[in-house]
Structure formats: structure tokens, C-alpha cells
C-alpha atoms as a PDB file:
ATOM      1  CA  UNK A   1       0.000   0.000   0.000  1.00  0.00           C
ATOM      2  CA  UNK A   2       2.727   2.451   0.965  1.00  0.00           C
ATOM      3  CA  UNK A   3       4.772   1.590  -2.150  1.00  0.00           C
ATOM      4  CA  UNK A   4       1.766   2.207  -4.387  1.00  0.00           C
ATOM      5  CA  UNK A   5       1.180   5.579  -2.752  1.00  0.00           C
ATOM      6  CA  UNK A   6       4.866   6.513  -3.074  1.00  0.00           C
ATOM      7  CA  UNK A   7       4.886   5.487  -6.738  1.00  0.00           C
ATOM      8  CA  UNK A   8       1.761   7.557  -7.417  1.00  0.00           C
ATOM      9  CA  UNK A   9       3.248  10.627  -5.718  1.00  0.00           C
ATOM     10  CA  UNK A  10       6.472  10.228  -7.683  1.00  0.00           C
ATOM     11  CA  UNK A  11       4.575   9.896 -10.955  1.00  0.00           C
ATOM     12  CA  UNK A  12       2.526  13.034 -10.257  1.00  0.00           C
ATOM     13  CA  UNK A  13       5.684  14.967  -9.351  1.00  0.00           C
ATOM     14  CA  UNK A  14       7.760  13.855 -12.358  1.00  0.00           C
ATOM     15  CA  UNK A  15       5.130  13.893 -15.135  1.00  0.00           C
ATOM     16  CA  UNK A  16       4.873  17.710 -15.506  1.00  0.00           C
ATOM     17  CA  UNK A  17       8.656  18.074 -15.620  1.00  0.00           C
ATOM     18  CA  UNK A  18       8.942  15.375 -18.280  1.00  0.00           C
ATOM     19  CA  UNK A  19       6.239  17.050 -20.344  1.00  0.00           C
ATOM     20  CA  UNK A  20       8.058  20.406 -20.257  1.00  0.00           C
ATOM     21  CA  UNK A  21      11.316  18.837 -21.393  1.00  0.00           C
ATOM     22  CA  UNK A  22       9.736  16.876 -24.229  1.00  0.00           C
ATOM     23  CA  UNK A  23      11.365  17.391 -27.621  1.00  0.00           C
ATOM     24  CA  UNK A  24       9.370  18.976 -30.440  1.00  0.00           C
ATOM     25  CA  UNK A  25       9.433  17.972 -34.099  1.00  0.00           C
ATOM     26  CA  UNK A  26       9.897  20.475 -36.898  1.00  0.00           C
ATOM     27  CA  UNK A  27      10.318  20.333 -40.654  1.00  0.00           C
ATOM     28  CA  UNK A  28      13.121  22.172 -42.462  1.00  0.00           C
ATOM     29  CA  UNK A  29      11.475  24.739 -44.753  1.00  0.00           C
ATOM     30  CA  UNK A  30      14.257  27.059 -45.988  1.00  0.00           C
ATOM     31  CA  UNK A  31      18.050  26.937 -45.846  1.00  0.00           C
ATOM     32  CA  UNK A  32      20.058  30.127 -46.273  1.00  0.00           C
ATOM     33  CA  UNK A  33      23.336  29.232 -44.565  1.00  0.00           C
ATOM     34  CA  UNK A  34      23.941  29.827 -41.711  1.00  0.00           C
ATOM     35  CA  UNK A  35      20.182  30.462 -41.245  1.00  0.00           C
ATOM     36  CA  UNK A  36      17.689  27.599 -41.310  1.00  0.00           C
ATOM     37  CA  UNK A  37      13.927  28.129 -41.067  1.00  0.00           C
ATOM     38  CA  UNK A  38      11.948  25.368 -39.358  1.00  0.00           C
ATOM     39  CA  UNK A  39       8.165  24.894 -39.247  1.00  0.00           C
ATOM     40  CA  UNK A  40       7.207  23.408 -35.876  1.00  0.00           C
ATOM     41  CA  UNK A  41       4.519  20.752 -35.553  1.00  0.00           C
ATOM     42  CA  UNK A  42       2.864  22.482 -32.568  1.00  0.00           C
ATOM     43  CA  UNK A  43       2.747  25.952 -31.042  1.00  0.00           C
ATOM     44  CA  UNK A  44       6.279  27.057 -30.047  1.00  0.00           C
ATOM     45  CA  UNK A  45       6.894  26.669 -26.333  1.00  0.00           C
ATOM     46  CA  UNK A  46       7.203  29.680 -24.020  1.00  0.00           C
ATOM     47  CA  UNK A  47      10.998  29.397 -23.719  1.00  0.00           C
ATOM     48  CA  UNK A  48      11.399  29.545 -27.523  1.00  0.00           C
ATOM     49  CA  UNK A  49      12.078  33.265 -27.920  1.00  0.00           C
ATOM     50  CA  UNK A  50      14.285  35.373 -30.156  1.00  0.00           C
ATOM     51  CA  UNK A  51      17.860  35.086 -28.894  1.00  0.00           C
ATOM     52  CA  UNK A  52      17.288  31.814 -27.009  1.00  0.00           C
ATOM     53  CA  UNK A  53      19.549  28.812 -27.474  1.00  0.00           C
ATOM     54  CA  UNK A  54      18.094  25.565 -28.795  1.00  0.00           C
ATOM     55  CA  UNK A  55      19.454  22.093 -29.601  1.00  0.00           C
ATOM     56  CA  UNK A  56      18.996  21.050 -33.223  1.00  0.00           C
ATOM     57  CA  UNK A  57      21.116  19.237 -35.845  1.00  0.00           C
ATOM     58  CA  UNK A  58      23.078  17.536 -33.055  1.00  0.00           C
ATOM     59  CA  UNK A  59      24.336  20.771 -31.522  1.00  0.00           C
ATOM     60  CA  UNK A  60      23.522  24.239 -30.277  1.00  0.00           C
ATOM     61  CA  UNK A  61      21.720  26.844 -32.343  1.00  0.00           C
ATOM     62  CA  UNK A  62      20.350  30.317 -31.639  1.00  0.00           C
ATOM     63  CA  UNK A  63      16.837  31.449 -32.505  1.00  0.00           C
ATOM     64  CA  UNK A  64      17.062  34.623 -34.623  1.00  0.00           C
ATOM     65  CA  UNK A  65      13.385  35.050 -35.527  1.00  0.00           C
ATOM     66  CA  UNK A  66       9.948  33.576 -34.804  1.00  0.00           C
ATOM     67  CA  UNK A  67       6.919  34.197 -37.010  1.00  0.00           C
ATOM     68  CA  UNK A  68       3.838  32.128 -36.188  1.00  0.00           C
ATOM     69  CA  UNK A  69       4.891  28.487 -36.242  1.00  0.00           C
ATOM     70  CA  UNK A  70       8.194  29.147 -38.068  1.00  0.00           C
ATOM     71  CA  UNK A  71      11.516  29.423 -36.241  1.00  0.00           C
ATOM     72  CA  UNK A  72      14.637  30.740 -37.947  1.00  0.00           C
ATOM     73  CA  UNK A  73      17.870  29.616 -36.318  1.00  0.00           C
ATOM     74  CA  UNK A  74      21.593  29.990 -36.897  1.00  0.00           C
ATOM     75  CA  UNK A  75      23.615  26.851 -36.409  1.00  0.00           C
ATOM     76  CA  UNK A  76      27.193  25.827 -37.087  1.00  0.00           C
ATOM     77  CA  UNK A  77      25.689  22.464 -38.105  1.00  0.00           C
ATOM     78  CA  UNK A  78      23.361  23.935 -40.747  1.00  0.00           C
ATOM     79  CA  UNK A  79      25.240  21.954 -43.411  1.00  0.00           C
ATOM     80  CA  UNK A  80      23.450  18.859 -42.052  1.00  0.00           C
ATOM     81  CA  UNK A  81      20.046  20.354 -42.931  1.00  0.00           C
ATOM     82  CA  UNK A  82      18.043  19.270 -45.964  1.00  0.00           C
ATOM     83  CA  UNK A  83      14.752  20.890 -47.010  1.00  0.00           C
ATOM     84  CA  UNK A  84      11.763  18.719 -46.140  1.00  0.00           C
ATOM     85  CA  UNK A  85      13.462  16.613 -43.470  1.00  0.00           C
ATOM     86  CA  UNK A  86      12.070  16.335 -39.960  1.00  0.00           C
ATOM     87  CA  UNK A  87      14.327  17.425 -37.087  1.00  0.00           C
ATOM     88  CA  UNK A  88      13.975  17.390 -33.318  1.00  0.00           C
ATOM     89  CA  UNK A  89      14.101  20.624 -31.319  1.00  0.00           C
ATOM     90  CA  UNK A  90      15.116  20.438 -27.672  1.00  0.00           C
ATOM     91  CA  UNK A  91      15.713  22.845 -24.848  1.00  0.00           C
ATOM     92  CA  UNK A  92      19.480  23.114 -24.275  1.00  0.00           C
ATOM     93  CA  UNK A  93      20.967  21.203 -21.388  1.00  0.00           C
ATOM     94  CA  UNK A  94      22.029  23.352 -18.456  1.00  0.00           C
ATOM     95  CA  UNK A  95      25.738  24.126 -18.304  1.00  0.00           C
ATOM     96  CA  UNK A  96      27.746  22.514 -15.538  1.00  0.00           C
ATOM     97  CA  UNK A  97      28.625  25.130 -12.959  1.00  0.00           C
ATOM     98  CA  UNK A  98      30.940  24.967 -10.019  1.00  0.00           C
ATOM     99  CA  UNK A  99      34.417  23.855  -9.105  1.00  0.00           C
END
């Protein structure tokens, strides 16, 4: 009984955090190196703002413009982009601080 309750509390506590960190899919619409415009599959999340960092193409990118459901980013890995392909957008991992 106590284990079931503990598991339920843990699930309720972790589920919202997991939902906020969920990756989002986008489709590459335009490539104008080093800029790449991506059309997201859902409404952009609140943290996706002009100037914010984002993980895409296997590395960091910076959002330079947002219009509706289209994000334009600059990325050193923009050479990996191909028009029409689906990519995953993620919130950047926090930097290690200390020592």
C-alpha cells in the first residue's frame, strides 16, 4: 500500500517536468546558410524566444526570428540540414557550474 502511494506521488511529481522537457518535431522549410527556417509541428513553447539557445542538428543553435509556427535559427551544423526533413528541437541542457 505504501509503495503504491509513493509510486503515485512520484509519478505526479515527475510527469509535468517530463512534459516540459519533451522534444518537439519540426520540418526544415528554408536553408540560407547559416540560417535555417523550421516549421514546428505544434505551437512554439514559451521558452522559444528570439535570442534563445536551442538544440537542433546535433548541436547548439540560436533562434534569430519567430513568425507564427516558423523558427529561424543559426547553427554551425546547418550543413546537415536538408529541405523537407524532420528534425527534433530540444531545450538546451544546463551548463555545468561549479568547481
